[in-house]
Amino acid sequence: MKDRNIIDQIGEDVVLLDEDGKENTFEHILTFMYEGKKYVALSPIADEESAMDDDEAEVVLFQITSENGEDTYVSIDNEVLLDEVFAEFLDLMDEINEEEEKNGENE
């Protein structure tokens, strides 16, 4: 498993402000390294009004930058980089799931 790339797995909820100052709550899925930079994968927590109709989970990826000791989430505007980061996220999630399945069989 590529543990060296995984910084943190599912954790607390994260509240981010959009352009209009409205709070949006996300579930933290994974923080990981890709090509020397730190990224975070979040899943929006839908309220009853905006609950998704489909069964697929939505994932939002941000690059994490540090300014004055505080982390800032920056959108990934380069589509090629976004595709690469998303592929890395999927690979890491597959590895995590395989590891959990293997550990579950050993119990």
Protein backbone atom coordinates (compact mmCIF):
# COMPACT_ATOMS: atom_id res chain seq x y z
CA MET A 1 0.00 0.00 0.00
CA LYS A 2 1.22 3.51 -0.76
CA ASP A 3 0.90 4.74 2.85
CA ARG A 4 3.59 7.31 2.15
CA ASN A 5 1.09 9.19 -0.05
CA ILE A 6 -1.77 9.09 2.45
CA ILE A 7 -1.70 11.79 5.07
CA ASP A 8 -5.13 11.41 6.63
CA GLN A 9 -8.27 9.38 6.03
CA ILE A 10 -11.92 10.03 6.79
CA GLY A 11 -12.15 12.63 9.50
CA GLU A 12 -14.26 15.50 10.68
CA ASP A 13 -16.61 17.65 8.66
CA VAL A 14 -15.11 20.65 6.88
CA VAL A 15 -17.01 23.91 6.39
CA LEU A 16 -16.01 26.06 3.41
CA LEU A 17 -17.36 29.41 2.28
CA ASP A 18 -18.39 29.86 -1.35
CA GLU A 19 -18.02 33.07 -3.39
CA ASP A 20 -21.22 34.45 -1.84
CA GLY A 21 -20.09 33.76 1.72
CA LYS A 22 -22.52 30.83 2.10
CA GLU A 23 -21.29 27.96 4.25
CA ASN A 24 -21.04 24.53 2.64
CA THR A 25 -20.32 21.43 4.70
CA PHE A 26 -18.18 18.60 3.38
CA GLU A 27 -17.10 15.24 4.73
CA HIS A 28 -13.32 14.82 4.73
CA ILE A 29 -12.47 11.66 2.79
CA LEU A 30 -8.72 11.71 2.27
CA THR A 31 -5.69 13.97 2.41
CA PHE A 32 -2.82 12.74 0.25
CA MET A 33 0.36 13.71 -1.55
CA TYR A 34 0.72 13.75 -5.33
CA GLU A 35 3.94 14.82 -7.03
CA GLY A 36 5.16 16.56 -3.90
CA LYS A 37 2.00 18.57 -3.27
CA LYS A 38 -0.77 18.03 -0.74
CA TYR A 39 -4.37 17.48 -1.85
CA VAL A 40 -7.67 16.88 -0.09
CA ALA A 41 -10.74 14.96 -1.23
CA LEU A 42 -14.06 16.12 0.21
CA SER A 43 -17.63 14.96 -0.30
CA PRO A 44 -20.46 17.49 -0.04
CA ILE A 45 -22.93 16.77 2.73
CA ALA A 46 -26.25 17.39 1.03
CA ASP A 47 -29.11 18.84 3.00
CA GLU A 48 -32.64 17.59 2.36
CA GLU A 49 -33.30 20.35 -0.19
CA SER A 50 -30.25 19.60 -2.32
CA ALA A 51 -29.97 15.84 -1.79
CA MET A 52 -28.64 14.14 -4.90
CA ASP A 53 -31.08 11.97 -6.83
CA ASP A 54 -28.46 9.53 -8.05
CA ASP A 55 -26.54 7.02 -5.97
CA GLU A 56 -23.06 8.14 -7.03
CA ALA A 57 -20.96 9.98 -4.50
CA GLU A 58 -19.61 13.38 -5.43
CA VAL A 59 -15.99 14.17 -4.65
CA VAL A 60 -14.39 17.61 -4.69
CA LEU A 61 -10.60 17.86 -4.89
CA PHE A 62 -8.51 20.81 -3.71
CA GLN A 63 -4.80 21.50 -3.49
CA ILE A 64 -3.73 22.47 0.02
CA THR A 65 -1.37 25.41 0.33
CA SER A 66 0.02 26.80 3.56
CA GLU A 67 0.09 30.52 4.27
CA ASN A 68 1.24 31.87 7.64
CA GLY A 69 0.85 28.42 9.16
CA GLU A 70 -2.76 28.04 8.00
CA ASP A 71 -3.96 25.63 5.33
CA THR A 72 -5.87 27.07 2.38
CA TYR A 73 -7.85 24.92 -0.06
CA VAL A 74 -7.26 26.00 -3.65
CA SER A 75 -9.33 24.77 -6.59
CA ILE A 76 -7.47 22.82 -9.29
CA ASP A 77 -8.09 24.75 -12.50
CA ASN A 78 -5.83 22.70 -14.79
CA GLU A 79 -8.02 19.87 -16.15
CA VAL A 80 -5.07 17.59 -16.91
CA LEU A 81 -3.76 17.97 -13.35
CA LEU A 82 -7.27 17.49 -11.97
CA ASP A 83 -7.61 14.23 -13.92
CA GLU A 84 -4.22 13.05 -12.63
CA VAL A 85 -5.05 13.93 -9.01
CA PHE A 86 -8.44 12.23 -9.33
CA ALA A 87 -6.79 9.08 -10.74
CA GLU A 88 -4.35 9.06 -7.80
CA PHE A 89 -7.29 9.49 -5.39
CA LEU A 90 -9.10 6.52 -6.99
CA ASP A 91 -5.94 4.36 -6.82
CA LEU A 92 -5.44 5.20 -3.15
CA MET A 93 -9.10 4.50 -2.32
CA ASP A 94 -8.87 1.13 -4.11
CA GLU A 95 -5.77 0.28 -2.09
CA ILE A 96 -7.47 1.34 1.16
CA ASN A 97 -10.54 -0.76 0.34
CA GLU A 98 -8.40 -3.78 -0.60
CA GLU A 99 -6.44 -3.44 2.65
CA GLU A 100 -9.66 -3.19 4.69
CA GLU A 101 -11.08 -6.26 2.93
CA LYS A 102 -7.87 -8.20 3.56
CA ASN A 103 -7.87 -7.20 7.24
CA GLY A 104 -11.56 -8.12 7.53
CA GLU A 105 -10.84 -11.62 6.21
CA ASN A 106 -8.04 -12.11 8.76
CA GLU A 107 -10.23 -11.39 11.77
